[in-house]
């Protein structure tokens, strides 16, 4: 083999190794927190995005990022600085952070090993399909999974042992690939009131989840936008 051929082979091997390392480095992080608000012209994240362990977000001075951690229920307001997303809280360098514990379902969500290798909202599943989650604030926000062709888009909520208390809402086609649906934005003609202390079953296509409304549920704060979304977030298990 000539020197030129040998050098080319070495370079190709080095590039392959580099690309392999880069691919591993760019593997999507495990989502651990939800973006509840963001005020920035430079960061590439939006309201209701998930961010994950190991992710670094660089905020300009005056930028504001509000996060809620799904396991620890830490609610953070971060102003400026370099933000490193952890598994239970953020580390912030050169900025300001305020934290508060908020009620949420915490450890009732987990990842399967296969889902941990994927990105986005679909990475989450409820720990047990029969697990009754708790809604700590109203109105609820449902995380809608990707629907298959032919799946019903009717979200049905029924109160346990009170089938007459039933809510049926047609999910917009725009959410067929998944997303978030805020019951507070439902048609005003639909009675979407849920009772504090009551238990409910929600169904969508072949997916079911059970939840109860906390006896001391937050309502008024939601109307002013102060109740964290994570306190009123419900996720359907994958179908």
C-alpha atoms as a PDB file:
ATOM      1  CA  UNK A   1       0.000   0.000   0.000  1.00  0.00           C
ATOM      2  CA  UNK A   2       1.385   3.449  -0.959  1.00  0.00           C
ATOM      3  CA  UNK A   3       1.843   6.174   1.605  1.00  0.00           C
ATOM      4  CA  UNK A   4      -1.024   8.162   0.051  1.00  0.00           C
ATOM      5  CA  UNK A   5      -3.357   5.178   0.200  1.00  0.00           C
ATOM      6  CA  UNK A   6      -2.313   4.423   3.763  1.00  0.00           C
ATOM      7  CA  UNK A   7      -2.875   8.015   4.828  1.00  0.00           C
ATOM      8  CA  UNK A   8      -6.298   8.013   3.176  1.00  0.00           C
ATOM      9  CA  UNK A   9      -7.258   4.806   4.986  1.00  0.00           C
ATOM     10  CA  UNK A  10      -6.128   6.209   8.331  1.00  0.00           C
ATOM     11  CA  UNK A  11      -8.046   9.434   7.704  1.00  0.00           C
ATOM     12  CA  UNK A  12     -11.183   7.515   6.761  1.00  0.00           C
ATOM     13  CA  UNK A  13     -10.949   5.402   9.921  1.00  0.00           C
ATOM     14  CA  UNK A  14     -10.421   8.519  12.029  1.00  0.00           C
ATOM     15  CA  UNK A  15     -13.431  10.223  10.459  1.00  0.00           C
ATOM     16  CA  UNK A  16     -15.572   7.134  11.032  1.00  0.00           C
ATOM     17  CA  UNK A  17     -14.548   7.000  14.688  1.00  0.00           C
ATOM     18  CA  UNK A  18     -15.177  10.723  15.029  1.00  0.00           C
ATOM     19  CA  UNK A  19     -18.620  10.450  13.453  1.00  0.00           C
ATOM     20  CA  UNK A  20     -19.457   7.508  15.704  1.00  0.00           C
ATOM     21  CA  UNK A  21     -18.387   9.465  18.789  1.00  0.00           C
ATOM     22  CA  UNK A  22     -20.352  12.504  17.607  1.00  0.00           C
ATOM     23  CA  UNK A  23     -23.446  10.390  17.049  1.00  0.00           C
ATOM     24  CA  UNK A  24     -23.167   9.075  20.585  1.00  0.00           C
ATOM     25  CA  UNK A  25     -22.586  12.569  21.942  1.00  0.00           C
ATOM     26  CA  UNK A  26     -25.649  13.854  20.095  1.00  0.00           C
ATOM     27  CA  UNK A  27     -27.910  11.052  21.345  1.00  0.00           C
ATOM     28  CA  UNK A  28     -31.068  12.644  22.754  1.00  0.00           C
ATOM     29  CA  UNK A  29     -31.045  13.163  26.528  1.00  0.00           C
ATOM     30  CA  UNK A  30     -33.595  11.484  28.756  1.00  0.00           C
ATOM     31  CA  UNK A  31     -36.399  14.048  29.261  1.00  0.00           C
ATOM     32  CA  UNK A  32     -36.616  15.029  32.916  1.00  0.00           C
ATOM     33  CA  UNK A  33     -38.191  18.500  33.009  1.00  0.00           C
ATOM     34  CA  UNK A  34     -40.931  20.439  31.264  1.00  0.00           C
ATOM     35  CA  UNK A  35     -40.507  23.978  29.948  1.00  0.00           C
ATOM     36  CA  UNK A  36     -43.346  25.934  31.547  1.00  0.00           C
ATOM     37  CA  UNK A  37     -42.246  29.302  30.173  1.00  0.00           C
ATOM     38  CA  UNK A  38     -39.339  30.783  28.243  1.00  0.00           C
ATOM     39  CA  UNK A  39     -38.526  34.377  27.413  1.00  0.00           C
ATOM     40  CA  UNK A  40     -35.521  34.389  25.110  1.00  0.00           C
ATOM     41  CA  UNK A  41     -34.729  35.326  21.532  1.00  0.00           C
ATOM     42  CA  UNK A  42     -31.766  32.972  21.284  1.00  0.00           C
ATOM     43  CA  UNK A  43     -32.466  29.584  22.915  1.00  0.00           C
ATOM     44  CA  UNK A  44     -33.891  26.794  20.775  1.00  0.00           C
ATOM     45  CA  UNK A  45     -36.571  25.606  23.171  1.00  0.00           C
ATOM     46  CA  UNK A  46     -40.238  26.487  23.463  1.00  0.00           C
ATOM     47  CA  UNK A  47     -43.166  26.369  25.885  1.00  0.00           C
ATOM     48  CA  UNK A  48     -44.122  22.755  26.716  1.00  0.00           C
ATOM     49  CA  UNK A  49     -40.881  21.287  25.353  1.00  0.00           C
ATOM     50  CA  UNK A  50     -39.126  18.582  27.336  1.00  0.00           C
ATOM     51  CA  UNK A  51     -35.487  19.035  28.321  1.00  0.00           C
ATOM     52  CA  UNK A  52     -33.256  16.228  29.511  1.00  0.00           C
ATOM     53  CA  UNK A  53     -30.471  15.241  31.827  1.00  0.00           C
ATOM     54  CA  UNK A  54     -27.129  16.548  30.606  1.00  0.00           C
ATOM     55  CA  UNK A  55     -28.609  19.211  28.344  1.00  0.00           C
ATOM     56  CA  UNK A  56     -26.972  22.657  28.520  1.00  0.00           C
ATOM     57  CA  UNK A  57     -28.977  25.822  27.868  1.00  0.00           C
ATOM     58  CA  UNK A  58     -27.219  29.162  27.544  1.00  0.00           C
ATOM     59  CA  UNK A  59     -29.396  32.086  28.586  1.00  0.00           C
ATOM     60  CA  UNK A  60     -28.532  35.674  27.778  1.00  0.00           C
ATOM     61  CA  UNK A  61     -28.700  38.245  30.602  1.00  0.00           C
ATOM     62  CA  UNK A  62     -32.366  38.952  31.219  1.00  0.00           C
ATOM     63  CA  UNK A  63     -33.584  35.711  29.601  1.00  0.00           C
ATOM     64  CA  UNK A  64     -36.052  33.795  31.776  1.00  0.00           C
ATOM     65  CA  UNK A  65     -36.615  30.036  31.780  1.00  0.00           C
ATOM     66  CA  UNK A  66     -39.226  28.299  33.940  1.00  0.00           C
ATOM     67  CA  UNK A  67     -38.855  24.540  34.421  1.00  0.00           C
ATOM     68  CA  UNK A  68     -40.772  21.880  36.319  1.00  0.00           C
ATOM     69  CA  UNK A  69     -38.983  18.628  37.101  1.00  0.00           C
ATOM     70  CA  UNK A  70     -41.198  15.595  36.561  1.00  0.00           C
ATOM     71  CA  UNK A  71     -39.748  13.363  39.280  1.00  0.00           C
ATOM     72  CA  UNK A  72     -38.708  15.773  42.032  1.00  0.00           C
ATOM     73  CA  UNK A  73     -41.554  18.278  41.421  1.00  0.00           C
ATOM     74  CA  UNK A  74     -39.029  21.126  41.627  1.00  0.00           C
ATOM     75  CA  UNK A  75     -40.377  24.296  39.996  1.00  0.00           C
ATOM     76  CA  UNK A  76     -37.547  26.590  38.912  1.00  0.00           C
ATOM     77  CA  UNK A  77     -37.426  30.138  37.608  1.00  0.00           C
ATOM     78  CA  UNK A  78     -34.014  30.850  36.090  1.00  0.00           C
ATOM     79  CA  UNK A  79     -32.777  34.239  34.916  1.00  0.00           C
ATOM     80  CA  UNK A  80     -29.675  34.324  32.715  1.00  0.00           C
ATOM     81  CA  UNK A  81     -26.595  32.112  32.934  1.00  0.00           C
ATOM     82  CA  UNK A  82     -25.616  28.629  31.809  1.00  0.00           C
ATOM     83  CA  UNK A  83     -28.194  26.020  32.802  1.00  0.00           C
ATOM     84  CA  UNK A  84     -27.263  22.351  33.115  1.00  0.00           C
ATOM     85  CA  UNK A  85     -30.258  20.061  33.343  1.00  0.00           C
ATOM     86  CA  UNK A  86     -30.003  17.400  36.038  1.00  0.00           C
ATOM     87  CA  UNK A  87     -32.202  14.472  36.961  1.00  0.00           C
ATOM     88  CA  UNK A  88     -33.942  16.318  39.805  1.00  0.00           C
ATOM     89  CA  UNK A  89     -32.843  19.962  39.582  1.00  0.00           C
ATOM     90  CA  UNK A  90     -30.777  22.359  37.495  1.00  0.00           C
ATOM     91  CA  UNK A  91     -27.291  23.715  38.076  1.00  0.00           C
ATOM     92  CA  UNK A  92     -26.941  27.360  37.088  1.00  0.00           C
ATOM     93  CA  UNK A  93     -23.694  29.223  36.502  1.00  0.00           C
ATOM     94  CA  UNK A  94     -23.679  33.005  36.187  1.00  0.00           C
ATOM     95  CA  UNK A  95     -27.427  33.388  36.628  1.00  0.00           C
ATOM     96  CA  UNK A  96     -30.141  33.458  39.269  1.00  0.00           C
ATOM     97  CA  UNK A  97     -32.475  30.637  40.221  1.00  0.00           C
ATOM     98  CA  UNK A  98     -35.433  30.364  42.569  1.00  0.00           C
ATOM     99  CA  UNK A  99     -36.969  27.011  43.452  1.00  0.00           C
ATOM    100  CA  UNK A 100     -40.186  25.812  44.998  1.00  0.00           C
ATOM    101  CA  UNK A 101     -41.685  22.372  45.500  1.00  0.00           C
ATOM    102  CA  UNK A 102     -45.032  21.998  43.755  1.00  0.00           C
ATOM    103  CA  UNK A 103     -47.486  19.100  43.916  1.00  0.00           C
ATOM    104  CA  UNK A 104     -47.134  16.679  41.005  1.00  0.00           C
ATOM    105  CA  UNK A 105     -47.204  12.950  40.319  1.00  0.00           C
ATOM    106  CA  UNK A 106     -43.433  12.691  40.701  1.00  0.00           C
ATOM    107  CA  UNK A 107     -42.091   9.146  40.624  1.00  0.00           C
ATOM    108  CA  UNK A 108     -45.300   7.777  39.130  1.00  0.00           C
ATOM    109  CA  UNK A 109     -43.695   8.288  35.706  1.00  0.00           C
ATOM    110  CA  UNK A 110     -40.763   6.248  34.479  1.00  0.00           C
ATOM    111  CA  UNK A 111     -38.971   5.255  31.272  1.00  0.00           C
ATOM    112  CA  UNK A 112     -38.590   1.835  29.772  1.00  0.00           C
ATOM    113  CA  UNK A 113     -35.079   1.049  28.520  1.00  0.00           C
ATOM    114  CA  UNK A 114     -36.271   1.265  24.923  1.00  0.00           C
ATOM    115  CA  UNK A 115     -38.058   4.556  25.453  1.00  0.00           C
ATOM    116  CA  UNK A 116     -34.994   6.051  27.111  1.00  0.00           C
ATOM    117  CA  UNK A 117     -33.270   5.858  23.730  1.00  0.00           C
ATOM    118  CA  UNK A 118     -35.935   7.976  22.048  1.00  0.00           C
ATOM    119  CA  UNK A 119     -36.592  11.680  22.229  1.00  0.00           C
ATOM    120  CA  UNK A 120     -39.590  13.815  23.074  1.00  0.00           C
ATOM    121  CA  UNK A 121     -42.854  13.459  24.874  1.00  0.00           C
ATOM    122  CA  UNK A 122     -43.403   9.871  23.727  1.00  0.00           C
ATOM    123  CA  UNK A 123     -40.539   8.800  25.988  1.00  0.00           C
ATOM    124  CA  UNK A 124     -42.810   8.792  29.012  1.00  0.00           C
ATOM    125  CA  UNK A 125     -45.211   6.124  30.122  1.00  0.00           C
ATOM    126  CA  UNK A 126     -47.174   5.698  33.288  1.00  0.00           C
ATOM    127  CA  UNK A 127     -45.630   3.226  35.692  1.00  0.00           C
ATOM    128  CA  UNK A 128     -48.789   1.142  35.804  1.00  0.00           C
ATOM    129  CA  UNK A 129     -51.838   1.548  33.586  1.00  0.00           C
ATOM    130  CA  UNK A 130     -54.011   0.866  36.644  1.00  0.00           C
ATOM    131  CA  UNK A 131     -52.282   3.537  38.715  1.00  0.00           C
ATOM    132  CA  UNK A 132     -54.535   6.381  39.802  1.00  0.00           C
ATOM    133  CA  UNK A 133     -52.768   9.684  39.233  1.00  0.00           C
ATOM    134  CA  UNK A 134     -53.617  12.854  41.114  1.00  0.00           C
ATOM    135  CA  UNK A 135     -54.666  16.139  39.571  1.00  0.00           C
ATOM    136  CA  UNK A 136     -53.473  18.955  41.845  1.00  0.00           C
ATOM    137  CA  UNK A 137     -54.734  21.893  39.784  1.00  0.00           C
ATOM    138  CA  UNK A 138     -57.544  22.582  37.335  1.00  0.00           C
ATOM    139  CA  UNK A 139     -58.199  22.524  34.464  1.00  0.00           C
ATOM    140  CA  UNK A 140     -56.155  19.452  33.453  1.00  0.00           C
ATOM    141  CA  UNK A 141     -53.681  19.330  30.608  1.00  0.00           C
ATOM    142  CA  UNK A 142     -53.591  15.973  28.795  1.00  0.00           C
ATOM    143  CA  UNK A 143     -50.481  14.799  26.982  1.00  0.00           C
ATOM    144  CA  UNK A 144     -51.869  13.235  23.825  1.00  0.00           C
ATOM    145  CA  UNK A 145     -49.843  10.332  22.371  1.00  0.00           C
ATOM    146  CA  UNK A 146     -49.413   9.842  18.652  1.00  0.00           C
ATOM    147  CA  UNK A 147     -52.630   8.399  17.266  1.00  0.00           C
ATOM    148  CA  UNK A 148     -52.756   5.715  14.615  1.00  0.00           C
ATOM    149  CA  UNK A 149     -54.825   6.041  11.444  1.00  0.00           C
ATOM    150  CA  UNK A 150     -58.376   5.119  12.312  1.00  0.00           C
ATOM    151  CA  UNK A 151     -57.992   5.760  16.056  1.00  0.00           C
ATOM    152  CA  UNK A 152     -60.830   7.649  17.680  1.00  0.00           C
ATOM    153  CA  UNK A 153     -59.928  11.233  18.539  1.00  0.00           C
ATOM    154  CA  UNK A 154     -62.702  11.559  21.126  1.00  0.00           C
ATOM    155  CA  UNK A 155     -61.373  12.191  24.623  1.00  0.00           C
ATOM    156  CA  UNK A 156     -63.893  10.818  27.134  1.00  0.00           C
ATOM    157  CA  UNK A 157     -63.760  11.578  30.860  1.00  0.00           C
ATOM    158  CA  UNK A 158     -66.190   9.798  33.199  1.00  0.00           C
ATOM    159  CA  UNK A 159     -66.548  10.097  36.929  1.00  0.00           C
ATOM    160  CA  UNK A 160     -66.113   6.787  38.731  1.00  0.00           C
ATOM    161  CA  UNK A 161     -69.502   5.304  39.716  1.00  0.00           C
ATOM    162  CA  UNK A 162     -71.258   8.341  38.204  1.00  0.00           C
ATOM    163  CA  UNK A 163     -71.454   7.587  34.453  1.00  0.00           C
ATOM    164  CA  UNK A 164     -73.895  10.462  33.932  1.00  0.00           C
ATOM    165  CA  UNK A 165     -71.039  12.863  34.724  1.00  0.00           C
ATOM    166  CA  UNK A 166     -69.351  12.488  31.373  1.00  0.00           C
ATOM    167  CA  UNK A 167     -67.258  14.807  29.223  1.00  0.00           C
ATOM    168  CA  UNK A 168     -66.607  14.040  25.555  1.00  0.00           C
ATOM    169  CA  UNK A 169     -64.267  16.258  23.545  1.00  0.00           C
ATOM    170  CA  UNK A 170     -63.114  15.815  19.955  1.00  0.00           C
ATOM    171  CA  UNK A 171     -59.337  16.224  19.747  1.00  0.00           C
ATOM    172  CA  UNK A 172     -58.228  18.405  16.860  1.00  0.00           C
ATOM    173  CA  UNK A 173     -56.504  16.767  13.900  1.00  0.00           C
ATOM    174  CA  UNK A 174     -53.444  18.914  14.613  1.00  0.00           C
ATOM    175  CA  UNK A 175     -52.750  16.694  17.652  1.00  0.00           C
ATOM    176  CA  UNK A 176     -52.863  13.411  15.711  1.00  0.00           C
ATOM    177  CA  UNK A 177     -49.068  13.190  15.974  1.00  0.00           C
ATOM    178  CA  UNK A 178     -49.127  13.946  19.696  1.00  0.00           C
ATOM    179  CA  UNK A 179     -49.033  17.071  21.797  1.00  0.00           C
ATOM    180  CA  UNK A 180     -50.770  18.744  24.714  1.00  0.00           C
ATOM    181  CA  UNK A 181     -54.462  19.488  25.140  1.00  0.00           C
ATOM    182  CA  UNK A 182     -55.543  22.006  27.780  1.00  0.00           C
ATOM    183  CA  UNK A 183     -59.070  21.267  28.930  1.00  0.00           C
ATOM    184  CA  UNK A 184     -59.383  24.932  29.845  1.00  0.00           C
ATOM    185  CA  UNK A 185     -59.428  25.681  26.131  1.00  0.00           C
ATOM    186  CA  UNK A 186     -62.318  23.329  25.395  1.00  0.00           C
ATOM    187  CA  UNK A 187     -65.448  24.546  23.680  1.00  0.00           C
ATOM    188  CA  UNK A 188     -67.300  26.835  26.086  1.00  0.00           C
ATOM    189  CA  UNK A 189     -70.480  24.837  25.391  1.00  0.00           C
ATOM    190  CA  UNK A 190     -68.890  21.757  26.954  1.00  0.00           C
ATOM    191  CA  UNK A 191     -69.199  21.369  30.721  1.00  0.00           C
ATOM    192  CA  UNK A 192     -65.606  20.593  31.694  1.00  0.00           C
ATOM    193  CA  UNK A 193     -65.938  20.989  35.445  1.00  0.00           C
ATOM    194  CA  UNK A 194     -64.325  18.297  37.561  1.00  0.00           C
ATOM    195  CA  UNK A 195     -65.142  17.813  41.238  1.00  0.00           C
ATOM    196  CA  UNK A 196     -62.513  18.104  44.001  1.00  0.00           C
ATOM    197  CA  UNK A 197     -61.997  14.722  45.677  1.00  0.00           C
ATOM    198  CA  UNK A 198     -63.654  12.753  42.865  1.00  0.00           C
ATOM    199  CA  UNK A 199     -62.096   9.980  40.784  1.00  0.00           C
ATOM    200  CA  UNK A 200     -62.278   9.744  37.000  1.00  0.00           C
ATOM    201  CA  UNK A 201     -61.356   7.542  34.059  1.00  0.00           C
ATOM    202  CA  UNK A 202     -60.144   9.127  30.836  1.00  0.00           C
ATOM    203  CA  UNK A 203     -60.070   7.202  27.569  1.00  0.00           C
ATOM    204  CA  UNK A 204     -58.686   8.043  24.150  1.00  0.00           C
ATOM    205  CA  UNK A 205     -58.743   5.407  21.404  1.00  0.00           C
ATOM    206  CA  UNK A 206     -57.414   2.241  23.127  1.00  0.00           C
ATOM    207  CA  UNK A 207     -55.661   4.140  25.936  1.00  0.00           C
ATOM    208  CA  UNK A 208     -57.019   4.564  29.453  1.00  0.00           C
ATOM    209  CA  UNK A 209     -55.838   6.365  32.536  1.00  0.00           C
ATOM    210  CA  UNK A 210     -57.363   6.813  35.955  1.00  0.00           C
ATOM    211  CA  UNK A 211     -56.975   9.934  38.046  1.00  0.00           C
ATOM    212  CA  UNK A 212     -58.453  11.701  40.993  1.00  0.00           C
ATOM    213  CA  UNK A 213     -58.826  15.387  41.696  1.00  0.00           C
ATOM    214  CA  UNK A 214     -57.160  16.463  44.929  1.00  0.00           C
ATOM    215  CA  UNK A 215     -59.572  17.527  47.649  1.00  0.00           C
ATOM    216  CA  UNK A 216     -57.783  20.881  47.896  1.00  0.00           C
ATOM    217  CA  UNK A 217     -57.256  21.445  44.210  1.00  0.00           C
ATOM    218  CA  UNK A 218     -55.827  24.711  42.874  1.00  0.00           C
ATOM    219  CA  UNK A 219     -58.265  26.524  40.620  1.00  0.00           C
ATOM    220  CA  UNK A 220     -58.087  30.281  41.002  1.00  0.00           C
ATOM    221  CA  UNK A 221     -54.327  30.391  40.455  1.00  0.00           C
ATOM    222  CA  UNK A 222     -54.712  28.598  37.143  1.00  0.00           C
ATOM    223  CA  UNK A 223     -56.831  31.434  35.835  1.00  0.00           C
ATOM    224  CA  UNK A 224     -53.977  33.867  36.471  1.00  0.00           C
ATOM    225  CA  UNK A 225     -51.441  31.498  34.924  1.00  0.00           C
ATOM    226  CA  UNK A 226     -49.573  30.844  38.171  1.00  0.00           C
ATOM    227  CA  UNK A 227     -50.345  27.170  38.724  1.00  0.00           C
ATOM    228  CA  UNK A 228     -47.535  25.055  37.205  1.00  0.00           C
ATOM    229  CA  UNK A 229     -48.637  22.926  34.264  1.00  0.00           C
ATOM    230  CA  UNK A 230     -46.901  19.946  35.882  1.00  0.00           C
ATOM    231  CA  UNK A 231     -49.469  20.102  38.718  1.00  0.00           C
ATOM    232  CA  UNK A 232     -52.298  19.579  36.251  1.00  0.00           C
ATOM    233  CA  UNK A 233     -50.583  17.360  33.717  1.00  0.00           C
ATOM    234  CA  UNK A 234     -51.928  13.885  32.861  1.00  0.00           C
ATOM    235  CA  UNK A 235     -50.212  11.510  30.410  1.00  0.00           C
ATOM    236  CA  UNK A 236     -51.807   8.652  28.546  1.00  0.00           C
ATOM    237  CA  UNK A 237     -49.829   5.402  28.391  1.00  0.00           C
ATOM    238  CA  UNK A 238     -48.624   4.387  24.928  1.00  0.00           C
ATOM    239  CA  UNK A 239     -51.018   2.223  22.967  1.00  0.00           C
END
